[in-house]
Amino acid sequence: MAQIVQAKIQRWGNGLGLRVAGLIRDIPHFTPDSVVEVEVFEDGFTVRKAKQSHRQLPFSEAELLTGLTSDTAQAGLLAHPTAAEIDN
């Protein structure tokens, strides 16, 4: 559903800002800390939610667990929960 909304670009600190409120916020379901992509053109720009990228981690779970035993896991360094932290 496309809507045309007029907004005003205003001075914001040393730059310019466009307030993301009302339909500009609600239709795309923007929330604080939303990651967006901004495509810039000669006569304006388009803002879209950023596509979530699948992050490739340096090690697989299997690689991290290779050679791990109760002796090498350093379980003695784990904190012990207090009585208030345990559900009774």
C-alpha atoms as a PDB file:
ATOM      1  CA  MET A   1       0.000   0.000   0.000  1.00  0.00           C
ATOM      2  CA  ALA A   2       1.660   3.207  -1.148  1.00  0.00           C
ATOM      3  CA  GLN A   3       0.827   6.574   0.367  1.00  0.00           C
ATOM      4  CA  ILE A   4       2.186   9.979  -0.547  1.00  0.00           C
ATOM      5  CA  VAL A   5       3.037  11.990   2.550  1.00  0.00           C
ATOM      6  CA  GLN A   6       4.427  15.515   2.553  1.00  0.00           C
ATOM      7  CA  ALA A   7       7.134  16.167   5.099  1.00  0.00           C
ATOM      8  CA  LYS A   8       9.593  18.967   5.720  1.00  0.00           C
ATOM      9  CA  ILE A   9      13.359  18.533   5.837  1.00  0.00           C
ATOM     10  CA  GLN A  10      14.691  20.631   8.701  1.00  0.00           C
ATOM     11  CA  ARG A  11      18.032  21.551  10.201  1.00  0.00           C
ATOM     12  CA  TRP A  12      19.152  18.876  12.675  1.00  0.00           C
ATOM     13  CA  GLY A  13      22.451  19.676  14.364  1.00  0.00           C
ATOM     14  CA  ASN A  14      25.025  20.242  11.624  1.00  0.00           C
ATOM     15  CA  GLY A  15      22.933  18.333   9.091  1.00  0.00           C
ATOM     16  CA  LEU A  16      19.405  18.002   7.824  1.00  0.00           C
ATOM     17  CA  GLY A  17      16.747  15.658   9.152  1.00  0.00           C
ATOM     18  CA  LEU A  18      13.426  14.202   8.135  1.00  0.00           C
ATOM     19  CA  ARG A  19      11.216  13.237  11.061  1.00  0.00           C
ATOM     20  CA  VAL A  20      10.040   9.625  10.785  1.00  0.00           C
ATOM     21  CA  ALA A  21       6.580   9.827  12.348  1.00  0.00           C
ATOM     22  CA  GLY A  22       2.982   8.958  11.554  1.00  0.00           C
ATOM     23  CA  LEU A  23       2.475   7.019   8.329  1.00  0.00           C
ATOM     24  CA  ILE A  24       6.179   7.306   7.458  1.00  0.00           C
ATOM     25  CA  ARG A  25       6.878   5.251  10.594  1.00  0.00           C
ATOM     26  CA  ASP A  26       3.733   3.123  10.823  1.00  0.00           C
ATOM     27  CA  ILE A  27       3.278   1.686   7.320  1.00  0.00           C
ATOM     28  CA  PRO A  28       6.807   0.180   7.076  1.00  0.00           C
ATOM     29  CA  HIS A  29       6.702  -0.689  10.811  1.00  0.00           C
ATOM     30  CA  PHE A  30       9.855   1.276  11.643  1.00  0.00           C
ATOM     31  CA  THR A  31      10.890   1.183  15.289  1.00  0.00           C
ATOM     32  CA  PRO A  32      13.767   2.810  17.170  1.00  0.00           C
ATOM     33  CA  ASP A  33      17.066   1.291  15.994  1.00  0.00           C
ATOM     34  CA  SER A  34      15.531  -0.038  12.744  1.00  0.00           C
ATOM     35  CA  VAL A  35      18.328  -0.697  10.265  1.00  0.00           C
ATOM     36  CA  VAL A  36      17.543   0.824   6.876  1.00  0.00           C
ATOM     37  CA  GLU A  37      19.071   1.121   3.424  1.00  0.00           C
ATOM     38  CA  VAL A  38      18.998   4.543   1.792  1.00  0.00           C
ATOM     39  CA  GLU A  39      19.136   4.659  -2.004  1.00  0.00           C
ATOM     40  CA  VAL A  40      20.159   8.147  -3.140  1.00  0.00           C
ATOM     41  CA  PHE A  41      19.133   9.716  -6.451  1.00  0.00           C
ATOM     42  CA  GLU A  42      19.784  13.114  -8.014  1.00  0.00           C
ATOM     43  CA  ASP A  43      16.277  14.275  -7.045  1.00  0.00           C
ATOM     44  CA  GLY A  44      15.747  12.479  -3.725  1.00  0.00           C
ATOM     45  CA  PHE A  45      16.159   9.206  -1.898  1.00  0.00           C
ATOM     46  CA  THR A  46      14.311   6.029  -0.968  1.00  0.00           C
ATOM     47  CA  VAL A  47      14.463   4.478   2.506  1.00  0.00           C
ATOM     48  CA  ARG A  48      13.786   0.754   2.920  1.00  0.00           C
ATOM     49  CA  LYS A  49      14.196  -1.710   5.749  1.00  0.00           C
ATOM     50  CA  ALA A  50      17.562  -3.409   5.406  1.00  0.00           C
ATOM     51  CA  LYS A  51      17.411  -7.044   4.441  1.00  0.00           C
ATOM     52  CA  GLN A  52      18.740  -9.253   7.193  1.00  0.00           C
ATOM     53  CA  SER A  53      21.978 -10.743   6.028  1.00  0.00           C
ATOM     54  CA  HIS A  54      23.039 -14.188   7.143  1.00  0.00           C
ATOM     55  CA  ARG A  55      26.273 -13.661   9.020  1.00  0.00           C
ATOM     56  CA  GLN A  56      28.952 -16.270   8.413  1.00  0.00           C
ATOM     57  CA  LEU A  57      30.637 -17.063  11.701  1.00  0.00           C
ATOM     58  CA  PRO A  58      34.334 -18.031  11.692  1.00  0.00           C
ATOM     59  CA  PHE A  59      33.754 -21.411  13.394  1.00  0.00           C
ATOM     60  CA  SER A  60      30.956 -23.961  13.327  1.00  0.00           C
ATOM     61  CA  GLU A  61      29.461 -25.270  16.559  1.00  0.00           C
ATOM     62  CA  ALA A  62      31.110 -28.641  15.919  1.00  0.00           C
ATOM     63  CA  GLU A  63      34.533 -26.983  15.530  1.00  0.00           C
ATOM     64  CA  LEU A  64      34.076 -25.092  18.802  1.00  0.00           C
ATOM     65  CA  LEU A  65      33.178 -28.289  20.660  1.00  0.00           C
ATOM     66  CA  THR A  66      36.013 -30.388  19.222  1.00  0.00           C
ATOM     67  CA  GLY A  67      38.206 -31.646  22.052  1.00  0.00           C
ATOM     68  CA  LEU A  68      35.998 -30.134  24.743  1.00  0.00           C
ATOM     69  CA  THR A  69      35.692 -32.318  27.820  1.00  0.00           C
ATOM     70  CA  SER A  70      34.657 -31.705  31.418  1.00  0.00           C
ATOM     71  CA  ASP A  71      38.360 -31.216  32.179  1.00  0.00           C
ATOM     72  CA  THR A  72      38.935 -28.650  29.430  1.00  0.00           C
ATOM     73  CA  ALA A  73      35.639 -26.750  29.721  1.00  0.00           C
ATOM     74  CA  GLN A  74      36.806 -24.729  32.737  1.00  0.00           C
ATOM     75  CA  ALA A  75      33.535 -25.432  34.549  1.00  0.00           C
ATOM     76  CA  GLY A  76      35.203 -24.362  37.782  1.00  0.00           C
ATOM     77  CA  LEU A  77      35.212 -20.774  36.526  1.00  0.00           C
ATOM     78  CA  LEU A  78      31.424 -20.636  36.205  1.00  0.00           C
ATOM     79  CA  ALA A  79      29.545 -18.472  38.698  1.00  0.00           C
ATOM     80  CA  HIS A  80      27.234 -20.266  41.075  1.00  0.00           C
ATOM     81  CA  PRO A  81      23.655 -18.932  41.124  1.00  0.00           C
ATOM     82  CA  THR A  82      22.360 -17.385  44.309  1.00  0.00           C
ATOM     83  CA  ALA A  83      19.175 -18.632  45.987  1.00  0.00           C
ATOM     84  CA  ALA A  84      17.286 -15.617  44.609  1.00  0.00           C
ATOM     85  CA  GLU A  85      18.235 -16.621  41.049  1.00  0.00           C
ATOM     86  CA  ILE A  86      16.892 -20.164  41.332  1.00  0.00           C
ATOM     87  CA  ASP A  87      13.180 -20.810  40.760  1.00  0.00           C
ATOM     88  CA  ASN A  88      11.780 -22.922  43.565  1.00  0.00           C
END
